């Protein structure tokens, strides 16, 4: 998805040919307009596609052509078939290439189910990881699958990936404590603290997201 287009634009600005993929044409149009403003049209390619149906030909490339894939913003939690999506990404990547991605962390949603007091819903969620994105407006909700570090590891191993790292994203609850971001010095210290906590496996349960870096094994 291109909600996190700044990262893709930074790659293009650094000289890399960058392909942006999203199923929303509106999001692609926004990213293309920004790339034009930055003078990066020659390095940026925009393709409307479903993550579960990625084909190299649709991207104007061949299998094994990409050195890096980025799936930030938890698109793998939002797709209907994460295993299929990972398989499509794996085919696109060259040997030794990397996938950097994030998924929603199952542990981060446990408080919601506890507050609701619905033990059956809690049981089903813990067993499957499936729920809806809990937007305030019901019409804005959509299906998501959340992962623990263990279930994420099982998914990746089964899908043919070598895991290089699993780490936390959003360990510090800054959204609930905006006052902590009052000064530039505070922000730098918080970033350093967040990075230290993110690398410590004992804090994964506190993170709102799980990030990972993985390398495709030989395509099967």
N, C-alpha and C. Protein backbone atom coordinates (compact mmCIF):
# COMPACT_ATOMS: atom_id res chain seq x y z
N UNK A 1 0.82 -1.19 0.00
CA UNK A 1 0.00 0.00 0.00
C UNK A 1 0.86 1.25 0.00
N UNK A 2 0.33 2.37 -0.48
CA UNK A 2 1.15 3.58 -0.60
C UNK A 2 0.80 4.62 0.45
N UNK A 3 0.08 4.21 1.50
CA UNK A 3 -0.15 5.15 2.60
C UNK A 3 1.17 5.64 3.17
N UNK A 4 2.20 4.77 3.09
CA UNK A 4 3.52 5.14 3.61
C UNK A 4 4.43 5.53 2.45
N UNK A 5 3.89 6.33 1.53
CA UNK A 5 4.64 6.73 0.34
C UNK A 5 5.92 7.49 0.65
N UNK A 6 6.06 8.23 1.81
CA UNK A 6 7.32 8.93 2.04
C UNK A 6 8.54 8.01 1.98
N UNK A 7 8.39 6.77 2.46
CA UNK A 7 9.52 5.84 2.42
C UNK A 7 9.87 5.50 0.97
N UNK A 8 8.85 5.23 0.16
CA UNK A 8 9.11 4.94 -1.25
C UNK A 8 9.73 6.11 -1.97
N UNK A 9 9.26 7.32 -1.65
CA UNK A 9 9.82 8.50 -2.28
C UNK A 9 11.27 8.74 -1.84
N UNK A 10 11.58 8.40 -0.61
CA UNK A 10 12.96 8.52 -0.15
C UNK A 10 13.86 7.55 -0.91
N UNK A 11 13.36 6.34 -1.17
CA UNK A 11 14.15 5.37 -1.95
C UNK A 11 14.39 5.90 -3.36
N UNK A 12 13.33 6.46 -3.96
CA UNK A 12 13.48 7.02 -5.30
C UNK A 12 14.44 8.20 -5.31
N UNK A 13 14.35 9.04 -4.29
CA UNK A 13 15.24 10.19 -4.20
C UNK A 13 16.69 9.76 -4.05
N UNK A 14 16.90 8.58 -3.47
CA UNK A 14 18.26 8.06 -3.29
C UNK A 14 18.80 7.40 -4.57
N UNK A 15 17.95 7.35 -5.61
CA UNK A 15 18.42 6.83 -6.89
C UNK A 15 17.86 5.48 -7.30
N UNK A 16 17.00 4.89 -6.46
CA UNK A 16 16.45 3.57 -6.77
C UNK A 16 15.19 3.67 -7.62
N UNK A 17 15.06 2.74 -8.56
CA UNK A 17 13.79 2.58 -9.27
C UNK A 17 12.79 1.99 -8.29
N UNK A 18 11.65 2.64 -8.13
CA UNK A 18 10.70 2.27 -7.08
C UNK A 18 9.32 2.07 -7.67
N UNK A 19 8.71 0.93 -7.33
CA UNK A 19 7.36 0.62 -7.80
C UNK A 19 6.39 0.72 -6.63
N UNK A 20 5.37 1.54 -6.77
CA UNK A 20 4.34 1.71 -5.76
C UNK A 20 3.12 0.87 -6.15
N UNK A 21 2.63 0.05 -5.23
CA UNK A 21 1.50 -0.83 -5.51
C UNK A 21 0.39 -0.56 -4.50
N UNK A 22 -0.81 -0.37 -5.00
CA UNK A 22 -1.96 -0.19 -4.12
C UNK A 22 -3.21 -0.55 -4.91
N UNK A 23 -4.26 -1.03 -4.21
CA UNK A 23 -5.51 -1.30 -4.92
C UNK A 23 -6.38 -0.06 -5.03
N UNK A 24 -5.97 1.04 -4.41
CA UNK A 24 -6.71 2.29 -4.48
C UNK A 24 -6.06 3.22 -5.50
N UNK A 25 -6.77 3.54 -6.57
CA UNK A 25 -6.23 4.45 -7.57
C UNK A 25 -6.05 5.84 -6.99
N UNK A 26 -6.94 6.23 -6.08
CA UNK A 26 -6.82 7.55 -5.47
C UNK A 26 -5.50 7.69 -4.71
N UNK A 27 -5.11 6.65 -3.98
CA UNK A 27 -3.85 6.69 -3.24
C UNK A 27 -2.67 6.75 -4.21
N UNK A 28 -2.75 6.00 -5.29
CA UNK A 28 -1.69 6.02 -6.29
C UNK A 28 -1.56 7.40 -6.93
N UNK A 29 -2.70 8.04 -7.19
CA UNK A 29 -2.69 9.37 -7.79
C UNK A 29 -2.01 10.39 -6.87
N UNK A 30 -2.27 10.29 -5.57
CA UNK A 30 -1.64 11.18 -4.61
C UNK A 30 -0.13 10.98 -4.62
N UNK A 31 0.30 9.70 -4.61
CA UNK A 31 1.73 9.40 -4.62
C UNK A 31 2.39 9.88 -5.91
N UNK A 32 1.71 9.71 -7.04
CA UNK A 32 2.27 10.15 -8.32
C UNK A 32 2.41 11.66 -8.37
N UNK A 33 1.42 12.35 -7.83
CA UNK A 33 1.49 13.81 -7.81
C UNK A 33 2.67 14.29 -6.96
N UNK A 34 2.87 13.63 -5.83
CA UNK A 34 3.99 14.01 -4.95
C UNK A 34 5.32 13.72 -5.63
N UNK A 35 5.41 12.58 -6.32
CA UNK A 35 6.64 12.24 -7.03
C UNK A 35 6.93 13.27 -8.11
N UNK A 36 5.89 13.75 -8.79
CA UNK A 36 6.07 14.78 -9.80
C UNK A 36 6.58 16.07 -9.22
N UNK A 37 6.04 16.44 -8.06
CA UNK A 37 6.49 17.67 -7.40
C UNK A 37 7.96 17.59 -7.01
N UNK A 38 8.43 16.36 -6.74
CA UNK A 38 9.81 16.17 -6.33
C UNK A 38 10.74 15.89 -7.51
N UNK A 39 10.18 15.85 -8.72
CA UNK A 39 10.99 15.58 -9.90
C UNK A 39 11.49 14.15 -10.00
N UNK A 40 10.67 13.20 -9.49
CA UNK A 40 11.10 11.81 -9.43
C UNK A 40 10.31 10.90 -10.38
N UNK A 41 9.66 11.49 -11.39
CA UNK A 41 8.80 10.70 -12.26
C UNK A 41 9.54 9.55 -12.93
N UNK A 42 10.79 9.76 -13.30
CA UNK A 42 11.52 8.74 -14.04
C UNK A 42 11.89 7.53 -13.18
N UNK A 43 11.86 7.69 -11.87
CA UNK A 43 12.25 6.60 -10.98
C UNK A 43 11.06 5.92 -10.31
N UNK A 44 9.86 6.46 -10.49
CA UNK A 44 8.68 5.95 -9.79
C UNK A 44 7.68 5.35 -10.77
N UNK A 45 7.17 4.19 -10.42
CA UNK A 45 6.19 3.49 -11.24
C UNK A 45 4.99 3.16 -10.34
N UNK A 46 3.81 3.33 -10.87
CA UNK A 46 2.60 3.20 -10.06
C UNK A 46 1.68 2.15 -10.68
N UNK A 47 1.34 1.14 -9.87
CA UNK A 47 0.56 0.01 -10.36
C UNK A 47 -0.60 -0.26 -9.42
N UNK A 48 -1.79 -0.31 -10.00
CA UNK A 48 -2.96 -0.68 -9.20
C UNK A 48 -3.07 -2.20 -9.20
N UNK A 49 -2.98 -2.80 -8.01
CA UNK A 49 -3.01 -4.26 -7.91
C UNK A 49 -3.40 -4.67 -6.50
N UNK A 50 -3.95 -5.87 -6.40
CA UNK A 50 -4.30 -6.47 -5.12
C UNK A 50 -3.08 -7.23 -4.61
N UNK A 51 -2.75 -7.05 -3.36
CA UNK A 51 -1.57 -7.70 -2.78
C UNK A 51 -1.66 -9.22 -2.86
N UNK A 52 -2.87 -9.74 -2.89
CA UNK A 52 -3.05 -11.20 -2.97
C UNK A 52 -2.93 -11.72 -4.40
N UNK A 53 -2.80 -10.84 -5.37
CA UNK A 53 -2.72 -11.26 -6.77
C UNK A 53 -1.60 -10.53 -7.49
N UNK A 54 -0.44 -10.49 -6.86
CA UNK A 54 0.71 -9.82 -7.45
C UNK A 54 1.32 -10.68 -8.56
N UNK A 55 1.51 -10.09 -9.69
CA UNK A 55 2.18 -10.75 -10.81
C UNK A 55 3.27 -9.82 -11.34
N UNK A 56 4.44 -10.38 -11.57
CA UNK A 56 5.56 -9.56 -12.05
C UNK A 56 5.22 -8.86 -13.35
N UNK A 57 4.48 -9.54 -14.23
CA UNK A 57 4.16 -8.95 -15.53
C UNK A 57 3.31 -7.70 -15.37
N UNK A 58 2.41 -7.70 -14.37
CA UNK A 58 1.57 -6.53 -14.14
C UNK A 58 2.40 -5.35 -13.64
N UNK A 59 3.54 -5.64 -13.03
CA UNK A 59 4.42 -4.59 -12.53
C UNK A 59 5.46 -4.18 -13.57
N UNK A 60 5.39 -4.79 -14.74
CA UNK A 60 6.37 -4.47 -15.78
C UNK A 60 7.73 -5.07 -15.52
N UNK A 61 7.78 -6.16 -14.76
CA UNK A 61 9.05 -6.78 -14.39
C UNK A 61 8.96 -8.28 -14.57
N UNK A 62 10.04 -8.96 -14.28
CA UNK A 62 10.07 -10.42 -14.28
C UNK A 62 10.20 -10.91 -12.85
N UNK A 63 9.82 -12.17 -12.61
CA UNK A 63 10.03 -12.75 -11.28
C UNK A 63 11.49 -12.62 -10.88
N UNK A 64 11.73 -12.37 -9.61
CA UNK A 64 13.10 -12.26 -9.11
C UNK A 64 13.80 -10.97 -9.47
N UNK A 65 13.02 -9.90 -9.75
CA UNK A 65 13.61 -8.64 -10.21
C UNK A 65 13.83 -7.61 -9.11
N UNK A 66 13.22 -7.80 -7.96
CA UNK A 66 13.24 -6.75 -6.93
C UNK A 66 14.23 -7.07 -5.82
N UNK A 67 14.95 -6.04 -5.38
CA UNK A 67 15.93 -6.20 -4.31
C UNK A 67 15.33 -5.94 -2.94
N UNK A 68 14.17 -5.28 -2.89
CA UNK A 68 13.56 -4.92 -1.62
C UNK A 68 12.06 -4.76 -1.81
N UNK A 69 11.30 -5.29 -0.86
CA UNK A 69 9.85 -5.04 -0.81
C UNK A 69 9.53 -4.47 0.55
N UNK A 70 8.67 -3.46 0.58
CA UNK A 70 8.27 -2.81 1.83
C UNK A 70 6.75 -2.87 1.95
N UNK A 71 6.27 -3.39 3.06
CA UNK A 71 4.82 -3.49 3.31
C UNK A 71 4.53 -2.90 4.68
N UNK A 72 4.75 -1.60 4.79
CA UNK A 72 4.48 -0.89 6.04
C UNK A 72 3.00 -0.52 6.12
N UNK A 73 2.54 -0.20 7.32
CA UNK A 73 1.14 0.15 7.50
C UNK A 73 0.23 -1.06 7.64
N UNK A 74 0.81 -2.23 7.84
CA UNK A 74 0.09 -3.47 8.16
C UNK A 74 -0.79 -4.02 7.04
N UNK A 75 -0.42 -3.89 5.76
CA UNK A 75 -1.28 -4.46 4.72
C UNK A 75 -1.43 -5.96 4.82
N UNK A 76 -0.42 -6.66 5.35
CA UNK A 76 -0.52 -8.11 5.48
C UNK A 76 -1.54 -8.52 6.54
N UNK A 77 -1.90 -7.60 7.43
CA UNK A 77 -2.97 -7.86 8.39
C UNK A 77 -4.34 -7.63 7.78
N UNK A 78 -4.38 -6.91 6.67
CA UNK A 78 -5.66 -6.51 6.08
C UNK A 78 -6.07 -7.35 4.88
N UNK A 79 -5.16 -8.13 4.32
CA UNK A 79 -5.48 -8.93 3.15
C UNK A 79 -6.31 -10.15 3.54
N UNK A 80 -7.00 -10.72 2.55
CA UNK A 80 -7.84 -11.89 2.82
C UNK A 80 -7.02 -13.16 2.98
N UNK A 81 -5.81 -13.19 2.43
CA UNK A 81 -4.98 -14.40 2.48
C UNK A 81 -3.52 -13.98 2.57
N UNK A 82 -3.01 -13.87 3.79
CA UNK A 82 -1.64 -13.41 3.98
C UNK A 82 -0.62 -14.37 3.38
N UNK A 83 -0.89 -15.67 3.44
CA UNK A 83 0.04 -16.64 2.87
C UNK A 83 0.16 -16.45 1.37
N UNK A 84 -0.96 -16.21 0.69
CA UNK A 84 -0.94 -15.99 -0.74
C UNK A 84 -0.20 -14.70 -1.07
N UNK A 85 -0.44 -13.65 -0.28
CA UNK A 85 0.24 -12.38 -0.51
C UNK A 85 1.75 -12.54 -0.34
N UNK A 86 2.16 -13.25 0.70
CA UNK A 86 3.59 -13.46 0.93
C UNK A 86 4.21 -14.29 -0.20
N UNK A 87 3.45 -15.24 -0.73
CA UNK A 87 3.95 -16.04 -1.84
C UNK A 87 4.19 -15.20 -3.09
N UNK A 88 3.27 -14.27 -3.35
CA UNK A 88 3.44 -13.38 -4.49
C UNK A 88 4.64 -12.47 -4.33
N UNK A 89 4.84 -11.95 -3.13
CA UNK A 89 5.99 -11.09 -2.87
C UNK A 89 7.28 -11.88 -3.01
N UNK A 90 7.28 -13.09 -2.49
CA UNK A 90 8.49 -13.92 -2.52
C UNK A 90 8.94 -14.19 -3.95
N UNK A 91 7.99 -14.41 -4.86
CA UNK A 91 8.33 -14.66 -6.27
C UNK A 91 8.97 -13.44 -6.93
N UNK A 92 8.59 -12.25 -6.46
CA UNK A 92 9.10 -11.03 -7.07
C UNK A 92 10.53 -10.72 -6.67
N UNK A 93 10.96 -11.25 -5.51
CA UNK A 93 12.25 -10.85 -4.95
C UNK A 93 13.40 -11.71 -5.48
N UNK A 94 14.52 -11.04 -5.66
CA UNK A 94 15.74 -11.73 -6.09
C UNK A 94 16.33 -12.49 -4.90
N UNK A 95 17.18 -13.49 -5.16
CA UNK A 95 17.87 -14.16 -4.06
C UNK A 95 18.64 -13.16 -3.21
N UNK A 96 18.49 -13.27 -1.90
CA UNK A 96 19.17 -12.36 -1.00
C UNK A 96 18.46 -11.05 -0.78
N UNK A 97 17.32 -10.85 -1.44
CA UNK A 97 16.55 -9.62 -1.25
C UNK A 97 15.80 -9.67 0.08
N UNK A 98 15.23 -8.54 0.47
CA UNK A 98 14.57 -8.44 1.77
C UNK A 98 13.13 -7.97 1.63
N UNK A 99 12.30 -8.45 2.55
CA UNK A 99 10.96 -7.92 2.77
C UNK A 99 10.96 -7.27 4.15
N UNK A 100 10.59 -6.00 4.20
CA UNK A 100 10.43 -5.28 5.47
C UNK A 100 8.95 -4.94 5.61
N UNK A 101 8.31 -5.38 6.67
CA UNK A 101 6.86 -5.22 6.77
C UNK A 101 6.43 -5.11 8.23
N UNK A 102 5.18 -4.70 8.41
CA UNK A 102 4.59 -4.65 9.75
C UNK A 102 3.23 -5.33 9.71
N UNK A 103 2.82 -5.86 10.87
CA UNK A 103 1.48 -6.42 11.06
C UNK A 103 0.94 -5.91 12.39
N UNK A 104 -0.36 -5.99 12.57
CA UNK A 104 -0.97 -5.62 13.85
C UNK A 104 -0.63 -6.66 14.90
N UNK A 105 -0.34 -6.20 16.10
CA UNK A 105 0.07 -7.06 17.20
C UNK A 105 -1.16 -7.52 17.99
N UNK A 106 -1.35 -8.82 18.07
CA UNK A 106 -2.50 -9.40 18.78
C UNK A 106 -2.56 -8.93 20.23
N UNK A 107 -1.44 -8.90 20.91
CA UNK A 107 -1.42 -8.55 22.33
C UNK A 107 -1.96 -7.14 22.58
N UNK A 108 -1.77 -6.26 21.60
CA UNK A 108 -2.18 -4.87 21.79
C UNK A 108 -3.70 -4.72 21.85
N UNK A 109 -4.43 -5.69 21.32
CA UNK A 109 -5.89 -5.61 21.30
C UNK A 109 -6.56 -6.31 22.47
N UNK A 110 -5.80 -6.98 23.31
CA UNK A 110 -6.41 -7.76 24.39
C UNK A 110 -7.17 -6.88 25.38
N UNK A 111 -6.67 -5.69 25.65
CA UNK A 111 -7.36 -4.80 26.59
C UNK A 111 -8.77 -4.47 26.10
N UNK A 112 -8.92 -4.28 24.80
CA UNK A 112 -10.25 -3.97 24.26
C UNK A 112 -11.24 -5.08 24.59
N UNK A 113 -10.87 -6.32 24.33
CA UNK A 113 -11.78 -7.43 24.59
C UNK A 113 -12.03 -7.61 26.08
N UNK A 114 -11.03 -7.33 26.90
CA UNK A 114 -11.22 -7.41 28.35
C UNK A 114 -12.21 -6.35 28.82
N UNK A 115 -12.10 -5.13 28.27
CA UNK A 115 -13.04 -4.07 28.64
C UNK A 115 -14.47 -4.39 28.22
N UNK A 116 -14.60 -5.04 27.06
CA UNK A 116 -15.93 -5.41 26.58
C UNK A 116 -16.58 -6.48 27.45
N UNK A 117 -15.77 -7.27 28.12
CA UNK A 117 -16.30 -8.30 29.02
C UNK A 117 -16.92 -9.48 28.30
N UNK A 118 -16.64 -9.67 27.02
CA UNK A 118 -17.19 -10.77 26.23
C UNK A 118 -16.13 -11.87 26.14
N UNK A 119 -16.21 -12.84 27.02
CA UNK A 119 -15.19 -13.87 27.09
C UNK A 119 -15.18 -14.76 25.85
N UNK A 120 -16.36 -14.98 25.25
CA UNK A 120 -16.41 -15.81 24.05
C UNK A 120 -15.70 -15.10 22.89
N UNK A 121 -15.95 -13.78 22.76
CA UNK A 121 -15.26 -13.02 21.72
C UNK A 121 -13.76 -13.01 21.95
N UNK A 122 -13.35 -12.89 23.22
CA UNK A 122 -11.93 -12.92 23.56
C UNK A 122 -11.32 -14.26 23.19
N UNK A 123 -12.02 -15.34 23.50
CA UNK A 123 -11.51 -16.68 23.20
C UNK A 123 -11.31 -16.85 21.69
N UNK A 124 -12.30 -16.43 20.91
CA UNK A 124 -12.21 -16.57 19.46
C UNK A 124 -11.08 -15.72 18.89
N UNK A 125 -10.91 -14.52 19.43
CA UNK A 125 -9.86 -13.64 18.94
C UNK A 125 -8.48 -14.22 19.23
N UNK A 126 -8.27 -14.70 20.43
CA UNK A 126 -6.97 -15.26 20.80
C UNK A 126 -6.65 -16.48 19.93
N UNK A 127 -7.69 -17.27 19.61
CA UNK A 127 -7.48 -18.49 18.82
C UNK A 127 -7.16 -18.18 17.36
N UNK A 128 -7.81 -17.16 16.81
CA UNK A 128 -7.68 -16.90 15.37
C UNK A 128 -6.90 -15.65 15.01
N UNK A 129 -6.89 -14.65 15.91
CA UNK A 129 -6.28 -13.36 15.60
C UNK A 129 -7.17 -12.48 14.74
N UNK A 130 -8.33 -12.96 14.36
CA UNK A 130 -9.21 -12.21 13.46
C UNK A 130 -10.20 -11.34 14.23
N UNK A 131 -10.33 -10.11 13.76
CA UNK A 131 -11.27 -9.18 14.36
C UNK A 131 -11.56 -8.09 13.33
N UNK A 132 -12.15 -6.99 13.76
CA UNK A 132 -12.33 -5.83 12.90
C UNK A 132 -11.52 -4.67 13.45
N UNK A 133 -11.01 -3.84 12.52
CA UNK A 133 -10.33 -2.63 12.93
C UNK A 133 -11.32 -1.75 13.67
N UNK A 134 -11.00 -1.39 14.89
CA UNK A 134 -11.98 -0.81 15.81
C UNK A 134 -12.06 0.70 15.66
N UNK A 135 -12.45 1.16 14.48
CA UNK A 135 -12.70 2.58 14.28
C UNK A 135 -13.96 2.99 15.05
N UNK A 136 -14.04 4.27 15.40
CA UNK A 136 -15.20 4.74 16.15
C UNK A 136 -16.48 4.60 15.33
N UNK A 137 -16.40 4.90 14.04
CA UNK A 137 -17.56 4.79 13.16
C UNK A 137 -17.63 3.38 12.60
N UNK A 138 -18.77 2.71 12.78
CA UNK A 138 -18.90 1.32 12.36
C UNK A 138 -18.63 1.13 10.86
N UNK A 139 -19.06 2.11 10.03
CA UNK A 139 -18.88 1.96 8.59
C UNK A 139 -17.41 2.06 8.18
N UNK A 140 -16.54 2.52 9.09
CA UNK A 140 -15.12 2.62 8.79
C UNK A 140 -14.35 1.38 9.21
N UNK A 141 -15.03 0.41 9.77
CA UNK A 141 -14.35 -0.79 10.24
C UNK A 141 -14.11 -1.77 9.09
N UNK A 142 -13.06 -2.56 9.21
CA UNK A 142 -12.75 -3.57 8.20
C UNK A 142 -12.06 -4.73 8.88
N UNK A 143 -12.08 -5.88 8.22
CA UNK A 143 -11.51 -7.10 8.80
C UNK A 143 -9.99 -7.02 8.86
N UNK A 144 -9.43 -7.47 9.97
CA UNK A 144 -7.99 -7.55 10.12
C UNK A 144 -7.63 -8.86 10.82
N UNK A 145 -6.41 -9.30 10.59
CA UNK A 145 -5.84 -10.43 11.32
C UNK A 145 -4.63 -9.91 12.08
N UNK A 146 -4.62 -10.15 13.38
CA UNK A 146 -3.51 -9.72 14.20
C UNK A 146 -2.65 -10.92 14.57
N UNK A 147 -1.40 -10.68 14.84
CA UNK A 147 -0.44 -11.76 15.05
C UNK A 147 0.34 -11.57 16.35
N UNK A 148 0.62 -12.68 16.99
CA UNK A 148 1.64 -12.69 18.03
C UNK A 148 2.98 -12.93 17.35
N UNK A 149 4.06 -12.75 18.08
CA UNK A 149 5.37 -13.01 17.46
C UNK A 149 5.48 -14.48 17.04
N UNK A 150 4.86 -15.38 17.82
CA UNK A 150 4.92 -16.80 17.49
C UNK A 150 4.10 -17.12 16.24
N UNK A 151 2.88 -16.58 16.14
CA UNK A 151 2.06 -16.88 14.97
C UNK A 151 2.64 -16.22 13.72
N UNK A 152 3.25 -15.06 13.86
CA UNK A 152 3.92 -14.42 12.74
C UNK A 152 5.09 -15.26 12.26
N UNK A 153 5.87 -15.78 13.19
CA UNK A 153 7.00 -16.63 12.83
C UNK A 153 6.52 -17.89 12.11
N UNK A 154 5.42 -18.50 12.58
CA UNK A 154 4.89 -19.69 11.91
C UNK A 154 4.45 -19.37 10.49
N UNK A 155 3.79 -18.22 10.31
CA UNK A 155 3.34 -17.82 8.99
C UNK A 155 4.51 -17.67 8.03
N UNK A 156 5.56 -17.00 8.48
CA UNK A 156 6.71 -16.74 7.60
C UNK A 156 7.47 -18.01 7.27
N UNK A 157 7.68 -18.85 8.25
CA UNK A 157 8.40 -20.10 8.01
C UNK A 157 7.62 -20.99 7.05
N UNK A 158 6.33 -21.10 7.27
CA UNK A 158 5.49 -21.92 6.38
C UNK A 158 5.46 -21.35 4.97
N UNK A 159 5.56 -20.02 4.87
CA UNK A 159 5.53 -19.37 3.56
C UNK A 159 6.84 -19.36 2.81
N UNK A 160 7.89 -19.92 3.40
CA UNK A 160 9.16 -20.01 2.70
C UNK A 160 10.09 -18.83 2.91
N UNK A 161 10.09 -18.30 4.14
CA UNK A 161 10.94 -17.13 4.44
C UNK A 161 11.92 -17.46 5.55
N UNK A 162 13.10 -16.88 5.43
CA UNK A 162 14.07 -16.88 6.52
C UNK A 162 13.91 -15.57 7.29
N UNK A 163 13.67 -15.66 8.58
CA UNK A 163 13.41 -14.47 9.39
C UNK A 163 14.73 -13.89 9.88
N UNK A 164 14.98 -12.64 9.55
CA UNK A 164 16.18 -11.97 10.02
C UNK A 164 15.94 -11.21 11.31
N UNK A 165 14.71 -10.70 11.50
CA UNK A 165 14.42 -9.97 12.74
C UNK A 165 12.90 -9.81 12.88
N UNK A 166 12.43 -9.90 14.13
CA UNK A 166 11.08 -9.49 14.50
C UNK A 166 11.23 -8.50 15.64
N UNK A 167 10.58 -7.36 15.52
CA UNK A 167 10.78 -6.31 16.51
C UNK A 167 9.45 -5.57 16.75
N UNK A 168 9.41 -4.80 17.82
CA UNK A 168 8.20 -4.06 18.15
C UNK A 168 8.16 -2.70 17.48
N UNK A 169 6.96 -2.23 17.19
CA UNK A 169 6.75 -0.86 16.70
C UNK A 169 5.68 -0.21 17.57
N UNK A 170 5.99 0.95 18.09
CA UNK A 170 5.03 1.60 18.98
C UNK A 170 4.97 0.97 20.35
N UNK A 171 6.14 0.72 20.94
CA UNK A 171 6.18 0.14 22.28
C UNK A 171 5.74 1.17 23.32
N UNK A 172 6.23 2.40 23.19
CA UNK A 172 5.82 3.46 24.11
C UNK A 172 4.42 3.96 23.74
N UNK A 173 3.54 4.16 24.71
CA UNK A 173 2.16 4.59 24.44
C UNK A 173 2.05 6.10 24.23
N UNK A 174 2.72 6.59 23.18
CA UNK A 174 2.80 8.04 22.98
C UNK A 174 1.47 8.66 22.56
N UNK A 175 0.63 7.88 21.92
CA UNK A 175 -0.66 8.43 21.51
C UNK A 175 -1.49 8.84 22.72
N UNK A 176 -1.36 8.09 23.80
CA UNK A 176 -2.11 8.40 25.02
C UNK A 176 -1.41 9.43 25.89
N UNK A 177 -0.14 9.75 25.57
CA UNK A 177 0.64 10.66 26.42
C UNK A 177 1.35 11.68 25.54
N UNK A 178 0.59 12.51 24.85
CA UNK A 178 1.14 13.49 23.93
C UNK A 178 2.05 14.51 24.62
N UNK A 179 1.84 14.72 25.90
CA UNK A 179 2.65 15.70 26.62
C UNK A 179 4.14 15.33 26.61
N UNK A 180 4.43 14.06 26.42
CA UNK A 180 5.83 13.63 26.38
C UNK A 180 6.56 14.18 25.16
N UNK A 181 5.82 14.66 24.17
CA UNK A 181 6.43 15.14 22.92
C UNK A 181 6.55 16.65 22.89
N UNK A 182 6.67 17.26 24.04
CA UNK A 182 6.60 18.73 24.12
C UNK A 182 7.83 19.43 23.57
N UNK A 183 9.00 18.81 23.63
CA UNK A 183 10.23 19.48 23.19
C UNK A 183 11.07 18.62 22.29
N UNK A 184 11.96 19.25 21.50
CA UNK A 184 12.80 18.52 20.57
C UNK A 184 13.72 17.55 21.28
N UNK A 185 14.28 17.98 22.42
CA UNK A 185 15.15 17.08 23.19
C UNK A 185 14.37 15.88 23.67
N UNK A 186 13.14 16.12 24.13
CA UNK A 186 12.30 15.02 24.58
C UNK A 186 12.03 14.04 23.45
N UNK A 187 11.77 14.57 22.25
CA UNK A 187 11.48 13.70 21.11
C UNK A 187 12.67 12.81 20.78
N UNK A 188 13.87 13.39 20.78
CA UNK A 188 15.06 12.61 20.46
C UNK A 188 15.26 11.50 21.50
N UNK A 189 15.08 11.86 22.76
CA UNK A 189 15.26 10.86 23.82
C UNK A 189 14.22 9.76 23.72
N UNK A 190 12.98 10.14 23.36
CA UNK A 190 11.93 9.15 23.22
C UNK A 190 12.19 8.22 22.04
N UNK A 191 12.71 8.77 20.94
CA UNK A 191 13.05 7.93 19.79
C UNK A 191 14.12 6.92 20.18
N UNK A 192 15.14 7.38 20.88
CA UNK A 192 16.21 6.47 21.32
C UNK A 192 15.67 5.40 22.25
N UNK A 193 14.77 5.80 23.15
CA UNK A 193 14.18 4.83 24.08
C UNK A 193 13.31 3.83 23.33
N UNK A 194 12.50 4.34 22.40
CA UNK A 194 11.63 3.45 21.61
C UNK A 194 12.46 2.43 20.83
N UNK A 195 13.55 2.86 20.22
CA UNK A 195 14.38 1.95 19.45
C UNK A 195 15.01 0.88 20.33
N UNK A 196 15.43 1.27 21.52
CA UNK A 196 16.01 0.30 22.45
C UNK A 196 14.97 -0.73 22.88
N UNK A 197 13.76 -0.26 23.19
CA UNK A 197 12.70 -1.17 23.61
C UNK A 197 12.27 -2.08 22.45
N UNK A 198 12.24 -1.53 21.25
CA UNK A 198 11.78 -2.30 20.09
C UNK A 198 12.67 -3.50 19.82
N UNK A 199 13.95 -3.37 20.14
CA UNK A 199 14.89 -4.47 19.87
C UNK A 199 14.87 -5.54 20.95
N UNK A 200 14.19 -5.27 22.05
CA UNK A 200 14.18 -6.21 23.19
C UNK A 200 12.95 -7.12 23.08
N UNK A 201 13.12 -8.42 22.84
CA UNK A 201 11.97 -9.32 22.66
C UNK A 201 11.00 -9.33 23.84
N UNK A 202 11.49 -9.01 25.03
CA UNK A 202 10.60 -9.05 26.19
C UNK A 202 9.54 -7.96 26.15
N UNK A 203 9.70 -6.97 25.26
CA UNK A 203 8.72 -5.88 25.17
C UNK A 203 7.79 -6.01 23.97
N UNK A 204 7.86 -7.10 23.24
CA UNK A 204 7.04 -7.25 22.05
C UNK A 204 5.55 -7.16 22.36
N UNK A 205 5.16 -7.68 23.52
CA UNK A 205 3.74 -7.68 23.88
C UNK A 205 3.16 -6.29 24.04
N UNK A 206 3.98 -5.29 24.30
CA UNK A 206 3.50 -3.92 24.48
C UNK A 206 3.36 -3.16 23.17
N UNK A 207 3.96 -3.66 22.12
CA UNK A 207 4.00 -2.93 20.85
C UNK A 207 2.64 -2.96 20.17
N UNK A 208 2.29 -1.86 19.51
CA UNK A 208 1.04 -1.84 18.74
C UNK A 208 1.19 -2.61 17.43
N UNK A 209 2.40 -2.68 16.93
CA UNK A 209 2.67 -3.42 15.69
C UNK A 209 3.90 -4.29 15.88
N UNK A 210 3.98 -5.33 15.07
CA UNK A 210 5.19 -6.14 14.97
C UNK A 210 5.81 -5.90 13.61
N UNK A 211 7.06 -5.51 13.62
CA UNK A 211 7.79 -5.35 12.37
C UNK A 211 8.68 -6.56 12.14
N UNK A 212 8.98 -6.84 10.89
CA UNK A 212 9.90 -7.95 10.62
C UNK A 212 10.69 -7.68 9.35
N UNK A 213 11.84 -8.30 9.30
CA UNK A 213 12.69 -8.33 8.11
C UNK A 213 12.91 -9.80 7.77
N UNK A 214 12.65 -10.17 6.52
CA UNK A 214 12.77 -11.56 6.13
C UNK A 214 13.34 -11.66 4.72
N UNK A 215 13.98 -12.80 4.47
CA UNK A 215 14.60 -13.09 3.17
C UNK A 215 13.93 -14.31 2.57
N UNK A 216 13.59 -14.28 1.28
CA UNK A 216 12.96 -15.47 0.67
C UNK A 216 13.93 -16.61 0.55
N UNK A 217 13.46 -17.80 0.93
CA UNK A 217 14.22 -19.00 0.64
C UNK A 217 14.08 -19.30 -0.85
N UNK A 218 14.79 -20.28 -1.34
CA UNK A 218 14.73 -20.60 -2.76
C UNK A 218 13.27 -20.82 -3.15
N UNK A 219 12.84 -20.15 -4.23
CA UNK A 219 11.44 -20.24 -4.64
C UNK A 219 11.07 -21.68 -4.96
N UNK A 220 9.85 -22.05 -4.46
CA UNK A 220 9.43 -23.43 -4.62
C UNK A 220 8.32 -23.53 -5.65
